[in-house]
Protein backbone atom coordinates (compact mmCIF):
# COMPACT_ATOMS: atom_id res chain seq x y z
CA MET A 1 -28.89 31.23 -19.28
CA SER A 2 -25.20 31.47 -19.90
CA ARG A 3 -23.43 31.51 -23.15
CA ASP A 4 -20.13 30.00 -24.14
CA ASP A 5 -18.45 28.53 -27.19
CA ALA A 6 -21.14 25.87 -27.46
CA GLY A 7 -23.97 28.39 -27.67
CA PRO A 8 -26.90 29.13 -25.34
CA VAL A 9 -28.36 26.65 -22.91
CA ASP A 10 -32.13 26.17 -23.20
CA VAL A 11 -33.39 25.91 -19.66
CA ASP A 12 -36.73 24.47 -20.98
CA GLN A 13 -35.08 21.33 -22.39
CA PRO A 14 -34.86 18.11 -20.30
CA LEU A 15 -31.67 17.95 -18.30
CA ALA A 16 -31.00 14.22 -17.91
CA VAL A 17 -29.80 12.53 -21.03
CA GLY A 18 -29.93 8.87 -19.80
CA VAL A 19 -26.35 7.96 -20.69
CA PRO A 20 -25.30 5.03 -18.56
CA PRO A 21 -22.17 5.61 -16.38
CA ALA A 22 -18.92 3.69 -16.92
CA PRO A 23 -18.77 0.39 -15.05
CA HIS A 24 -16.61 0.16 -11.94
CA ASP A 25 -13.34 -1.59 -12.70
CA ALA A 26 -13.31 -3.76 -9.56
CA SER A 27 -16.76 -5.10 -8.85
CA GLY A 28 -19.07 -4.25 -11.73
CA GLU A 29 -20.58 -1.46 -9.80
CA ARG A 30 -21.87 1.19 -12.24
CA VAL A 31 -20.73 4.65 -11.13
CA PRO A 32 -20.40 7.88 -13.13
CA THR A 33 -16.90 8.94 -13.97
CA ARG A 34 -15.79 12.47 -13.44
CA ASP A 35 -12.63 14.12 -14.64
CA LEU A 36 -11.42 17.02 -12.50
CA SER A 37 -7.70 16.71 -13.02
CA GLY A 38 -7.57 19.53 -15.62
CA LEU A 39 -8.96 21.93 -13.03
CA ALA A 40 -6.16 21.36 -10.65
CA PRO A 41 -3.66 24.24 -10.24
CA PRO A 42 0.07 23.47 -10.11
CA PRO A 43 0.69 21.62 -6.87
CA ARG A 44 2.10 23.52 -3.92
CA PRO A 45 4.57 21.92 -1.57
CA ALA A 46 2.46 19.53 0.48
CA ARG A 47 2.06 20.10 4.20
CA ARG A 48 3.92 17.36 6.01
CA TRP A 49 4.18 16.48 9.65
CA THR A 50 7.63 16.13 11.15
CA PRO A 51 7.49 14.28 14.47
CA LYS A 52 9.93 15.41 17.11
CA ARG A 53 10.49 11.91 18.33
CA VAL A 54 10.26 8.58 16.56
CA VAL A 55 10.41 5.36 18.49
CA ALA A 56 10.37 1.70 17.43
CA THR A 57 9.62 -1.38 19.53
CA PRO A 58 11.78 -4.55 19.09
CA ALA A 59 8.72 -6.55 17.88
CA ALA A 60 8.05 -3.89 15.23
CA LEU A 61 11.53 -4.20 13.79
CA GLU A 62 11.06 -7.92 13.35
CA HIS A 63 8.53 -7.16 10.55
CA PRO A 64 9.72 -6.18 7.12
CA HIS A 65 7.39 -3.23 6.94
CA GLY A 66 8.53 -2.02 10.38
CA ARG A 67 12.10 -1.91 9.03
CA ARG A 68 10.94 -0.15 5.92
CA ILE A 69 9.29 2.57 7.95
CA ALA A 70 12.39 2.99 10.09
CA GLU A 71 14.54 3.22 7.06
CA ARG A 72 12.17 5.70 5.41
CA VAL A 73 12.18 7.90 8.52
CA ALA A 74 15.91 7.78 8.76
CA THR A 75 16.30 8.93 5.15
CA LEU A 76 14.23 11.97 6.11
CA GLY A 77 16.92 12.90 8.63
CA ILE A 78 14.86 11.84 11.68
CA GLU A 79 16.51 9.65 14.31
CA VAL A 80 14.69 6.48 15.21
CA GLU A 81 14.94 5.54 18.91
CA ARG A 82 14.92 1.79 19.42
CA LEU A 83 13.06 1.00 22.62
CA ARG A 84 14.17 -1.81 24.94
CA GLY A 85 10.65 -3.29 25.32
CA ASN A 86 7.44 -3.37 23.41
CA ARG A 87 5.75 -0.66 25.38
CA VAL A 88 5.93 2.94 24.23
CA THR A 89 7.48 4.94 27.10
CA GLY A 90 8.69 8.43 27.82
CA LEU A 91 5.45 10.25 27.04
CA ARG A 92 4.44 11.46 30.48
CA GLY A 93 5.25 14.99 31.45
CA GLU A 94 4.85 16.90 34.66
CA THR A 95 1.50 18.28 33.59
CA ALA A 96 -1.36 17.01 31.41
CA ARG A 97 -0.51 19.76 28.83
CA GLU A 98 3.11 18.64 28.68
CA THR A 99 2.09 14.99 28.31
CA TYR A 100 -0.33 15.90 25.43
CA ALA A 101 2.35 17.89 23.67
CA ARG A 102 4.94 15.08 24.01
CA ALA A 103 2.57 12.41 22.78
CA LYS A 104 1.20 14.51 19.90
CA SER A 105 4.71 15.05 18.53
CA THR A 106 5.68 11.38 18.82
CA LEU A 107 5.49 8.72 16.16
CA ALA A 108 5.68 5.08 17.39
CA ILE A 109 6.40 2.10 15.14
CA VAL A 110 4.66 -0.79 16.81
CA VAL A 111 2.89 -4.13 16.12
CA SER A 112 -0.90 -3.92 16.08
CA PRO A 113 -2.65 -5.32 19.15
CA PRO A 114 -4.75 -8.50 18.56
CA SER A 115 -7.97 -6.50 19.03
CA ARG A 116 -7.07 -4.40 15.95
CA ARG A 117 -6.61 -7.54 13.88
CA ARG A 118 -10.23 -8.61 14.56
CA LEU A 119 -12.11 -6.32 12.29
CA GLN A 120 -15.22 -4.57 13.51
CA PRO A 121 -18.30 -3.66 11.39
CA ILE A 122 -18.70 0.07 10.86
CA ALA A 123 -22.22 0.73 9.59
CA PRO A 124 -23.72 2.50 7.81
CA SER A 125 -20.87 3.28 5.33
CA PRO A 126 -18.50 0.33 4.77
CA ASP A 127 -18.48 -3.27 5.87
CA TRP A 128 -15.35 -3.35 8.00
CA ARG A 129 -12.91 -1.04 9.77
CA VAL A 130 -9.26 -1.90 9.17
CA ASP A 131 -6.59 -0.07 11.12
CA LEU A 132 -3.17 0.52 9.62
CA ALA A 133 -2.34 3.16 12.27
CA GLU A 134 -3.89 4.85 15.25
CA GLY A 135 -3.71 8.47 16.16
CA CYS A 136 -3.32 11.62 14.14
CA PRO A 137 -0.90 14.59 14.28
CA ALA A 138 -3.52 17.16 13.41
CA HIS A 139 -5.11 19.33 16.02
CA CYS A 140 -8.83 19.39 15.06
CA GLN A 141 -10.65 20.82 18.07
CA TYR A 142 -13.72 18.58 17.48
CA CYS A 143 -11.78 15.44 16.84
CA TYR A 144 -13.61 12.30 18.05
CA LEU A 145 -10.33 10.48 18.64
CA ALA A 146 -10.01 12.42 21.88
CA GLY A 147 -12.96 10.57 23.24
CA SER A 148 -12.31 7.22 21.46
CA LEU A 149 -8.71 6.45 22.27
CA THR A 150 -7.27 6.01 25.76
CA GLY A 151 -3.90 7.23 27.04
CA PRO A 152 -1.67 9.98 25.68
CA PRO A 153 -2.39 10.74 22.01
CA VAL A 154 0.75 9.24 20.48
CA THR A 155 0.47 8.31 16.78
CA ARG A 156 1.16 4.58 16.33
CA VAL A 157 1.87 3.05 12.87
CA TYR A 158 1.68 -0.67 12.45
CA ALA A 159 4.70 -2.62 11.38
CA ASP A 160 2.78 -5.86 10.69
CA LEU A 161 1.06 -4.27 7.69
CA ASP A 162 1.60 -7.21 5.41
CA ASP A 163 -0.06 -9.55 7.88
CA ILE A 164 -2.95 -7.16 8.35
CA LEU A 165 -3.56 -6.98 4.53
CA ASP A 166 -3.28 -10.70 4.12
CA GLY A 167 -5.86 -11.29 6.86
CA LEU A 168 -8.54 -9.33 5.10
CA ALA A 169 -9.48 -12.16 2.78
CA ASP A 170 -11.30 -13.87 5.70
CA TYR A 171 -13.78 -11.04 5.74
CA VAL A 172 -14.70 -10.88 2.11
CA GLY A 173 -18.46 -11.42 1.60
CA ARG A 174 -19.12 -11.44 5.34
CA GLY A 175 -20.07 -7.74 5.81
CA THR A 176 -23.64 -6.51 6.31
CA VAL A 177 -23.49 -3.01 4.75
CA THR A 178 -22.31 -3.45 1.19
CA SER A 179 -21.40 -7.03 0.56
CA ARG A 180 -24.71 -8.55 1.64
CA ARG A 181 -27.27 -5.86 0.83
CA ALA A 182 -28.78 -6.05 -2.67
CA ALA A 183 -28.90 -2.27 -3.10
CA ARG A 184 -25.14 -1.93 -2.51
CA ALA A 185 -23.85 -5.30 -3.45
CA GLY A 186 -22.15 -3.87 -6.53
CA GLU A 187 -19.69 -2.17 -4.32
CA GLY A 188 -18.31 -5.46 -3.03
CA THR A 189 -16.88 -5.86 0.45
CA THR A 190 -15.73 -2.44 1.67
CA PHE A 191 -12.83 -1.74 4.10
CA GLU A 192 -12.48 1.69 5.73
CA ALA A 193 -8.85 2.54 6.72
CA SER A 194 -9.12 6.00 8.21
CA CYS A 195 -11.35 5.70 11.29
CA TYR A 196 -8.56 6.22 13.81
CA THR A 197 -6.09 8.20 11.79
CA ASP A 198 -5.44 10.40 8.78
CA PRO A 199 -3.62 8.42 6.11
CA LEU A 200 -1.95 11.35 4.23
CA ALA A 201 -0.67 12.91 7.42
CA LEU A 202 1.54 9.78 7.81
CA GLU A 203 2.13 8.49 4.32
CA HIS A 204 5.52 10.30 3.71
CA LEU A 205 6.75 8.58 6.86
CA THR A 206 5.28 5.07 6.42
CA GLY A 207 4.30 4.35 2.80
CA SER A 208 1.60 2.07 4.33
CA TRP A 209 -1.33 3.42 2.29
CA GLN A 210 0.41 3.20 -1.04
CA ARG A 211 1.18 -0.43 -0.14
CA ALA A 212 -2.48 -0.98 0.75
CA VAL A 213 -3.65 0.62 -2.56
CA ARG A 214 -1.35 -1.76 -4.51
CA HIS A 215 -2.65 -4.73 -2.50
CA PHE A 216 -6.28 -3.92 -3.28
CA GLY A 217 -5.43 -3.09 -6.88
CA GLY A 218 -3.98 -6.59 -7.40
CA TRP A 219 -6.63 -8.40 -5.39
CA ASP A 220 -8.86 -10.38 -7.71
CA ALA A 221 -12.07 -10.06 -5.65
CA PRO A 222 -15.02 -7.63 -5.35
CA VAL A 223 -13.44 -5.47 -2.70
CA GLN A 224 -12.87 -1.76 -2.03
CA LEU A 225 -10.42 0.19 0.13
CA ARG A 226 -11.67 3.52 1.42
CA TRP A 227 -10.03 6.34 3.38
CA THR A 228 -10.53 10.01 4.07
CA THR A 229 -8.13 12.87 4.79
CA LYS A 230 -7.66 16.52 5.58
CA TYR A 231 -4.28 16.64 3.87
CA ASP A 232 -3.12 17.19 0.28
CA ASP A 233 0.07 15.05 -0.12
CA VAL A 234 -1.35 12.95 -2.92
CA ASP A 235 1.36 13.00 -5.58
CA GLY A 236 2.64 9.56 -4.51
CA PHE A 237 -0.79 8.12 -5.29
CA VAL A 238 -1.14 9.51 -8.87
CA GLY A 239 -0.64 6.62 -11.29
CA LEU A 240 -0.74 3.87 -8.76
CA PRO A 241 -2.21 0.57 -10.04
CA HIS A 242 -5.34 0.84 -7.93
CA GLY A 243 -7.54 -1.25 -10.21
CA GLY A 244 -10.60 0.85 -9.36
CA ARG A 245 -10.66 -0.65 -5.82
CA THR A 246 -9.69 2.47 -3.85
CA ARG A 247 -11.89 5.45 -3.05
CA VAL A 248 -10.49 8.55 -1.41
CA ARG A 249 -12.61 11.19 0.36
CA PHE A 250 -11.49 14.68 1.25
CA SER A 251 -12.89 16.30 4.39
CA VAL A 252 -13.73 19.93 3.53
CA ASN A 253 -15.21 22.68 5.61
CA CYS A 254 -15.76 26.34 5.21
CA ARG A 255 -12.56 28.38 5.45
CA PRO A 256 -13.16 29.91 8.98
CA VAL A 257 -13.62 26.36 10.34
CA THR A 258 -10.53 24.93 8.63
CA THR A 259 -8.27 27.82 9.77
CA ARG A 260 -9.61 28.13 13.31
CA PHE A 261 -10.55 24.57 14.33
CA GLU A 262 -8.45 22.20 12.12
CA GLY A 263 -4.97 23.03 13.26
CA GLY A 264 -2.06 21.36 11.51
CA THR A 265 -4.03 20.30 8.47
CA SER A 266 -3.83 21.37 4.79
CA ARG A 267 -5.74 24.47 3.59
CA VAL A 268 -9.15 23.59 2.14
CA GLU A 269 -7.95 25.03 -1.18
CA ASP A 270 -5.06 22.58 -1.23
CA ARG A 271 -7.40 19.64 -0.37
CA VAL A 272 -9.63 20.47 -3.33
CA ALA A 273 -6.64 20.85 -5.61
CA ALA A 274 -5.40 17.38 -4.41
CA LEU A 275 -8.78 15.86 -5.15
CA ARG A 276 -8.57 17.20 -8.65
CA ARG A 277 -4.99 15.82 -9.12
CA LEU A 278 -6.33 12.37 -8.19
CA ALA A 279 -9.30 12.49 -10.75
CA MET A 280 -9.38 10.87 -14.29
CA ASP A 281 -7.23 11.52 -17.37
CA GLU A 282 -7.56 14.04 -20.20
CA ALA A 283 -8.91 11.48 -22.63
CA SER A 284 -12.33 11.76 -21.08
CA ARG A 285 -12.50 15.52 -21.32
CA THR A 286 -13.63 17.89 -24.07
CA ARG A 287 -11.04 20.26 -25.46
CA ARG A 288 -12.12 23.71 -26.44
CA HIS A 289 -10.25 26.55 -28.10
CA GLY A 290 -10.91 30.23 -27.17
CA LYS A 291 -11.02 32.98 -29.80
CA PHE A 292 -7.51 34.13 -28.82
CA GLY A 293 -5.95 30.63 -29.20
CA ALA A 294 -6.28 29.61 -25.57
CA VAL A 295 -7.13 25.99 -24.83
CA LYS A 296 -9.29 24.80 -22.02
CA TYR A 297 -10.70 21.39 -20.98
CA VAL A 298 -14.31 21.10 -19.99
CA TYR A 299 -16.77 18.36 -18.98
CA PRO A 300 -18.29 16.42 -21.87
CA ARG A 301 -21.83 17.43 -22.76
CA GLU A 302 -23.36 14.33 -21.07
CA THR A 303 -21.45 15.00 -17.79
CA MET A 304 -22.46 18.70 -17.86
CA SER A 305 -26.11 17.70 -18.30
CA GLU A 306 -25.88 15.23 -15.42
CA LEU A 307 -24.28 17.84 -13.15
CA ARG A 308 -26.80 20.48 -14.03
CA SER A 309 -29.71 18.03 -13.42
CA TRP A 310 -28.30 17.27 -9.96
CA PHE A 311 -27.85 20.83 -8.93
CA ASP A 312 -31.26 21.89 -10.26
CA ARG A 313 -32.96 19.09 -8.47
CA GLU A 314 -31.16 19.60 -5.12
CA LEU A 315 -31.53 23.37 -5.17
CA ALA A 316 -35.28 23.09 -5.84
CA ALA A 317 -35.65 20.63 -2.92
CA ARG A 318 -33.37 22.49 -0.36
CA LEU A 319 -33.72 26.10 -1.43
CA PRO A 320 -37.04 26.40 -3.21
CA ALA A 321 -36.89 30.20 -3.24
CA CYS A 322 -33.55 30.12 -5.03
CA ARG A 323 -33.33 31.16 -8.66
CA VAL A 324 -30.60 29.79 -10.95
CA LEU A 325 -29.60 32.70 -13.07
CA TYR A 326 -27.11 30.87 -15.31
CA TRP A 327 -25.13 27.70 -15.73
CA THR A 328 -21.68 27.50 -17.19
């Protein structure tokens, strides 16, 4: 047992309290709410990628969002090279290593190819894969993009974002993972936007994912936007009108893996802190006063019981020889 201001915890008492979770704002899906924002330390300066070269195709600059990206990049003091044609050129070096280095440090503002506009199912997690960009500036040594994308690994961001988002309505209710399965129908039609990129690595340059979050937040339909990241630049997302229709996942690994094999990404500590900054408001937390006047925020009793129930159950199943000495 552990003891705190609320008194001892009786390990012989039932752990689950049967309190129903709050309903999901978007689709009626009932999910438990968690508030982790009070645990977040003051934010550190986010790790941001600065491309050495930014190019834009003529077709990309015909789109409002393409021009927005170019203007955004220019305000950051990065020159935007306007290509003569709609092919991205100037990536090849004398060696494969030089080609890789050039491409990996290049951001290209382009129009999405037609194949990217035809969404593909992506079981078993969401219904559909939607691409707002392709390529990633990180250097994860196990990255599957190296075997999934052809050509030099340049990062391409799509200028026709507004058309991409408008076209998603045709896919609502047509998926086979969440939208048509009774067990997951409450999640609505789900769209994954980070299969071929890392959104936060590019957001300060494009603003594309904030725009997508706002689009889904104002979309009166049972839909969800999902994406995952290894970065921590989330301050631009705090307070966005997401309408409960966006779910963000943070990829975390043990520290030796993140430092040795995930080059160019944010520290795992900063990813966890970013996750906490995105969590719910103080109104859903319990405020406690220490004996020396200190104030801390803790989980409500129902949430603590639910968490303890989960850990006890999973530890018993996965590590049956493990003893839980205390819970706090």
